[in-house]
C-alpha atoms as a PDB file:
ATOM      1  CA  MET A   1      65.279 110.152  85.992  1.00  0.00           C
ATOM      2  CA  GLU A   2      65.192 110.771  89.769  1.00  0.00           C
ATOM      3  CA  PRO A   3      68.479 110.469  91.702  1.00  0.00           C
ATOM      4  CA  ARG A   4      68.615 107.500  94.179  1.00  0.00           C
ATOM      5  CA  TRP A   5      68.775 109.721  97.278  1.00  0.00           C
ATOM      6  CA  LEU A   6      70.308 108.313 100.486  1.00  0.00           C
ATOM      7  CA  ASP A   7      67.971 107.457 103.185  1.00  0.00           C
ATOM      8  CA  ALA A   8      68.795 108.479 106.789  1.00  0.00           C
ATOM      9  CA  GLY A   9      70.756 105.512 107.652  1.00  0.00           C
ATOM     10  CA  GLU A  10      72.731 105.679 104.443  1.00  0.00           C
ATOM     11  CA  GLN A  11      73.465 109.350 104.804  1.00  0.00           C
ATOM     12  CA  GLU A  12      74.743 108.865 108.486  1.00  0.00           C
ATOM     13  CA  THR A  13      77.124 106.087 107.180  1.00  0.00           C
ATOM     14  CA  TRP A  14      78.119 108.111 104.307  1.00  0.00           C
ATOM     15  CA  LEU A  15      79.075 111.190 106.456  1.00  0.00           C
ATOM     16  CA  ALA A  16      80.909 108.986 108.908  1.00  0.00           C
ATOM     17  CA  LEU A  17      82.997 107.420 106.132  1.00  0.00           C
ATOM     18  CA  VAL A  18      83.704 110.893 104.582  1.00  0.00           C
ATOM     19  CA  SER A  19      84.950 112.025 108.007  1.00  0.00           C
ATOM     20  CA  VAL A  20      87.220 109.072 108.287  1.00  0.00           C
ATOM     21  CA  LEU A  21      88.595 109.678 104.661  1.00  0.00           C
ATOM     22  CA  ILE A  22      89.416 113.231 105.639  1.00  0.00           C
ATOM     23  CA  ARG A  23      90.562 113.074 109.128  1.00  0.00           C
ATOM     24  CA  LEU A  24      92.468 109.772 109.265  1.00  0.00           C
ATOM     25  CA  PRO A  25      94.920 110.997 106.785  1.00  0.00           C
ATOM     26  CA  ALA A  26      95.439 114.309 108.466  1.00  0.00           C
ATOM     27  CA  ALA A  27      95.876 112.563 111.850  1.00  0.00           C
ATOM     28  CA  LEU A  28      98.488 110.124 110.535  1.00  0.00           C
ATOM     29  CA  ASP A  29     100.293 113.027 108.823  1.00  0.00           C
ATOM     30  CA  ARG A  30     100.425 114.868 112.018  1.00  0.00           C
ATOM     31  CA  GLN A  31     102.021 112.083 113.859  1.00  0.00           C
ATOM     32  CA  LEU A  32     104.619 111.509 111.133  1.00  0.00           C
ATOM     33  CA  GLN A  33     105.475 115.132 110.959  1.00  0.00           C
ATOM     34  CA  ARG A  34     105.657 115.413 114.705  1.00  0.00           C
ATOM     35  CA  ASP A  35     107.575 112.300 115.309  1.00  0.00           C
ATOM     36  CA  ALA A  36     109.740 111.836 112.119  1.00  0.00           C
ATOM     37  CA  GLY A  37     109.729 114.980 110.200  1.00  0.00           C
ATOM     38  CA  ILE A  38     108.066 113.437 107.032  1.00  0.00           C
ATOM     39  CA  SER A  39     104.703 113.467 105.593  1.00  0.00           C
ATOM     40  CA  HIS A  40     102.376 110.331 105.455  1.00  0.00           C
ATOM     41  CA  PHE A  41     102.956 110.442 101.575  1.00  0.00           C
ATOM     42  CA  GLU A  42     106.641 110.364 102.093  1.00  0.00           C
ATOM     43  CA  TYR A  43     106.387 107.525 104.581  1.00  0.00           C
ATOM     44  CA  GLN A  44     104.249 105.385 102.116  1.00  0.00           C
ATOM     45  CA  VAL A  45     106.941 105.993  99.383  1.00  0.00           C
ATOM     46  CA  LEU A  46     109.652 104.879 101.731  1.00  0.00           C
ATOM     47  CA  ALA A  47     107.584 101.957 103.183  1.00  0.00           C
ATOM     48  CA  GLY A  48     106.641 100.793  99.677  1.00  0.00           C
ATOM     49  CA  LEU A  49     110.373 100.635  98.777  1.00  0.00           C
ATOM     50  CA  SER A  50     111.157  98.972 101.932  1.00  0.00           C
ATOM     51  CA  MET A  51     108.652  96.214 101.219  1.00  0.00           C
ATOM     52  CA  SER A  52     109.949  95.580  97.652  1.00  0.00           C
ATOM     53  CA  PRO A  53     112.644  93.093  96.603  1.00  0.00           C
ATOM     54  CA  ARG A  54     116.038  94.688  96.738  1.00  0.00           C
ATOM     55  CA  ARG A  55     114.364  97.811  98.110  1.00  0.00           C
ATOM     56  CA  THR A  56     113.803  98.838  94.439  1.00  0.00           C
ATOM     57  CA  LEU A  57     110.721  99.739  92.303  1.00  0.00           C
ATOM     58  CA  ARG A  58     110.130 101.133  88.907  1.00  0.00           C
ATOM     59  CA  MET A  59     108.892 104.767  89.465  1.00  0.00           C
ATOM     60  CA  SER A  60     105.670 103.770  87.614  1.00  0.00           C
ATOM     61  CA  ASP A  61     105.033 100.881  90.029  1.00  0.00           C
ATOM     62  CA  LEU A  62     105.769 103.093  92.913  1.00  0.00           C
ATOM     63  CA  ALA A  63     103.366 105.737  91.792  1.00  0.00           C
ATOM     64  CA  THR A  64     100.778 102.946  91.507  1.00  0.00           C
ATOM     65  CA  PHE A  65     101.448 101.662  94.859  1.00  0.00           C
ATOM     66  CA  ALA A  66     101.348 105.258  96.346  1.00  0.00           C
ATOM     67  CA  ASP A  67      98.351 106.256  94.216  1.00  0.00           C
ATOM     68  CA  ALA A  68     100.131 109.132  92.978  1.00  0.00           C
ATOM     69  CA  SER A  69     100.849 110.778  89.536  1.00  0.00           C
ATOM     70  CA  LEU A  70     104.381 110.430  88.342  1.00  0.00           C
ATOM     71  CA  PRO A  71     104.922 114.177  88.458  1.00  0.00           C
ATOM     72  CA  ARG A  72     103.861 114.319  92.051  1.00  0.00           C
ATOM     73  CA  LEU A  73     105.901 111.117  92.881  1.00  0.00           C
ATOM     74  CA  SER A  74     108.889 112.632  91.079  1.00  0.00           C
ATOM     75  CA  GLN A  75     108.859 115.623  93.188  1.00  0.00           C
ATOM     76  CA  VAL A  76     108.628 113.653  96.457  1.00  0.00           C
ATOM     77  CA  VAL A  77     111.418 111.289  95.451  1.00  0.00           C
ATOM     78  CA  ALA A  78     113.602 114.411  94.599  1.00  0.00           C
ATOM     79  CA  ARG A  79     113.000 115.671  98.192  1.00  0.00           C
ATOM     80  CA  LEU A  80     113.843 112.170  99.656  1.00  0.00           C
ATOM     81  CA  GLU A  81     116.979 112.010  97.426  1.00  0.00           C
ATOM     82  CA  ARG A  82     118.105 115.134  98.874  1.00  0.00           C
ATOM     83  CA  ARG A  83     117.864 113.738 102.339  1.00  0.00           C
ATOM     84  CA  GLY A  84     119.676 110.641 101.078  1.00  0.00           C
ATOM     85  CA  TRP A  85     117.035 108.147 101.750  1.00  0.00           C
ATOM     86  CA  VAL A  86     116.250 107.388  98.062  1.00  0.00           C
ATOM     87  CA  ARG A  87     118.245 107.257  94.792  1.00  0.00           C
ATOM     88  CA  ARG A  88     117.180 106.881  91.186  1.00  0.00           C
ATOM     89  CA  ALA A  89     118.880 104.975  88.555  1.00  0.00           C
ATOM     90  CA  PRO A  90     118.051 103.826  85.003  1.00  0.00           C
ATOM     91  CA  ASP A  91     116.445 100.423  84.915  1.00  0.00           C
ATOM     92  CA  PRO A  92     119.106  98.050  83.453  1.00  0.00           C
ATOM     93  CA  ASP A  93     116.502  95.794  82.012  1.00  0.00           C
ATOM     94  CA  ASP A  94     114.675  98.609  80.203  1.00  0.00           C
ATOM     95  CA  GLY A  95     116.405 101.955  80.066  1.00  0.00           C
ATOM     96  CA  ARG A  96     112.993 103.653  79.451  1.00  0.00           C
ATOM     97  CA  TYR A  97     112.104 103.097  83.093  1.00  0.00           C
ATOM     98  CA  THR A  98     113.617 104.658  85.974  1.00  0.00           C
ATOM     99  CA  LEU A  99     114.165 102.817  89.337  1.00  0.00           C
ATOM    100  CA  ALA A 100     113.542 104.190  92.746  1.00  0.00           C
ATOM    101  CA  ILE A 101     116.063 102.614  95.230  1.00  0.00           C
ATOM    102  CA  LEU A 102     115.796 102.897  99.088  1.00  0.00           C
ATOM    103  CA  THR A 103     119.311 103.744 100.448  1.00  0.00           C
ATOM    104  CA  ASP A 104     120.706 102.170 103.675  1.00  0.00           C
ATOM    105  CA  ASP A 105     119.948 105.591 105.285  1.00  0.00           C
ATOM    106  CA  GLY A 106     116.370 105.435 103.930  1.00  0.00           C
ATOM    107  CA  TRP A 107     115.961 101.942 105.434  1.00  0.00           C
ATOM    108  CA  ASP A 108     117.140 103.246 108.654  1.00  0.00           C
ATOM    109  CA  LYS A 109     114.454 106.092 108.598  1.00  0.00           C
ATOM    110  CA  VAL A 110     111.719 103.506 107.825  1.00  0.00           C
ATOM    111  CA  VAL A 111     113.036 101.331 110.704  1.00  0.00           C
ATOM    112  CA  ALA A 112     113.139 104.303 113.168  1.00  0.00           C
ATOM    113  CA  THR A 113     109.713 105.660 112.052  1.00  0.00           C
ATOM    114  CA  ALA A 114     107.623 102.453 111.604  1.00  0.00           C
ATOM    115  CA  PRO A 115     106.977 101.753 115.318  1.00  0.00           C
ATOM    116  CA  GLY A 116     105.526 105.160 116.066  1.00  0.00           C
ATOM    117  CA  HIS A 117     103.508 104.935 112.829  1.00  0.00           C
ATOM    118  CA  VAL A 118     102.084 101.398 113.516  1.00  0.00           C
ATOM    119  CA  GLU A 119     101.167 102.424 117.003  1.00  0.00           C
ATOM    120  CA  GLU A 120      99.111 105.224 115.645  1.00  0.00           C
ATOM    121  CA  VAL A 121      97.505 103.151 113.185  1.00  0.00           C
ATOM    122  CA  ARG A 122      96.749 100.744 115.951  1.00  0.00           C
ATOM    123  CA  ARG A 123      95.324 103.558 118.240  1.00  0.00           C
ATOM    124  CA  LEU A 124      93.087 105.076 115.556  1.00  0.00           C
ATOM    125  CA  VAL A 125      91.896 102.035 113.664  1.00  0.00           C
ATOM    126  CA  PHE A 126      92.363  98.795 115.527  1.00  0.00           C
ATOM    127  CA  ASP A 127      92.163  99.627 119.111  1.00  0.00           C
ATOM    128  CA  PRO A 128      88.568 101.055 118.827  1.00  0.00           C
ATOM    129  CA  THR A 129      87.381  98.104 116.687  1.00  0.00           C
ATOM    130  CA  THR A 130      86.746  94.407 117.191  1.00  0.00           C
ATOM    131  CA  ARG A 131      88.363  91.621 115.242  1.00  0.00           C
ATOM    132  CA  ALA A 132      85.003  91.040 113.506  1.00  0.00           C
ATOM    133  CA  GLN A 133      84.704  94.848 112.718  1.00  0.00           C
ATOM    134  CA  GLN A 134      88.386  94.796 111.431  1.00  0.00           C
ATOM    135  CA  HIS A 135      87.478  91.853 109.083  1.00  0.00           C
ATOM    136  CA  GLN A 136      84.264  93.632 107.994  1.00  0.00           C
ATOM    137  CA  LEU A 137      86.397  96.903 107.347  1.00  0.00           C
ATOM    138  CA  GLY A 138      88.868  94.966 105.166  1.00  0.00           C
ATOM    139  CA  THR A 139      86.036  93.334 103.135  1.00  0.00           C
ATOM    140  CA  ILE A 140      84.234  96.531 102.916  1.00  0.00           C
ATOM    141  CA  GLY A 141      87.290  98.451 101.720  1.00  0.00           C
ATOM    142  CA  ARG A 142      88.092  95.634  99.025  1.00  0.00           C
ATOM    143  CA  ARG A 143      84.569  95.894  97.750  1.00  0.00           C
ATOM    144  CA  ILE A 144      84.747  99.701  97.499  1.00  0.00           C
ATOM    145  CA  MET A 145      88.086  99.506  95.701  1.00  0.00           C
ATOM    146  CA  GLY A 146      86.709  96.869  93.361  1.00  0.00           C
ATOM    147  CA  ALA A 147      83.762  99.171  92.513  1.00  0.00           C
ATOM    148  CA  ILE A 148      86.286 102.195  91.919  1.00  0.00           C
ATOM    149  CA  ASP A 149      88.693 100.027  89.816  1.00  0.00           C
ATOM    150  CA  PRO A 150      87.402  96.546  89.007  1.00  0.00           C
ATOM    151  CA  ASP A 151      90.610  95.821  86.997  1.00  0.00           C
ATOM    152  CA  GLY A 152      92.847  97.368  89.469  1.00  0.00           C
ATOM    153  CA  PRO A 153      95.181  95.710  92.042  1.00  0.00           C
ATOM    154  CA  CYS A 154      93.313  94.559  95.073  1.00  0.00           C
ATOM    155  CA  PRO A 155      95.082  94.356  98.491  1.00  0.00           C
ATOM    156  CA  PRO A 156      95.419  90.713  99.819  1.00  0.00           C
ATOM    157  CA  ARG A 157      92.635  89.234 101.906  1.00  0.00           C
END
C-alpha cells in the first residue's frame, strides 16, 4: 500500500509544527533556567502541585499531569525535595501510594517564578497570535491530543 505522502502545504505545516515542538520547550527552559534556576519540567511539577487541592497529588497523578514516567518524576521530586520545595509522604487513604506535597518554600518558589514564566509564554505564544488564532490553536491541540490518546484526559475548553 502506497503511503499517504504529505502535499507541499501539509509538509510546510508539519515542519512548522515540528519546529514549535522542538524550539518552544527549549525557549521556555532557557527562560526558567536563567531567571529561576529551574528547568521547565521542574516548574511543571511545582505548578501542578500548586494548582492541586492542599498542594498535594499522588505521584502517579503528578506523573500523568507532567507526562512523565514514575522513575523520571521520582528523580525530579528528589531534587526538589533537596531544595526544600517538595516533600513526599505515604498516602493516608492508601499506603500503596506516595503523595507529593508542595512545601511553603515550594509555594514561594512558584509564586516568584510564575510572573516571568507567564510573561515568556505570553511573548512567545499569545502576543504573536490573534484571539481567533489562539482559539484555533486550543481546538487543534485538543483534537491532536484526542488522536494521540482518545481515552486520555483532555484539557478544558
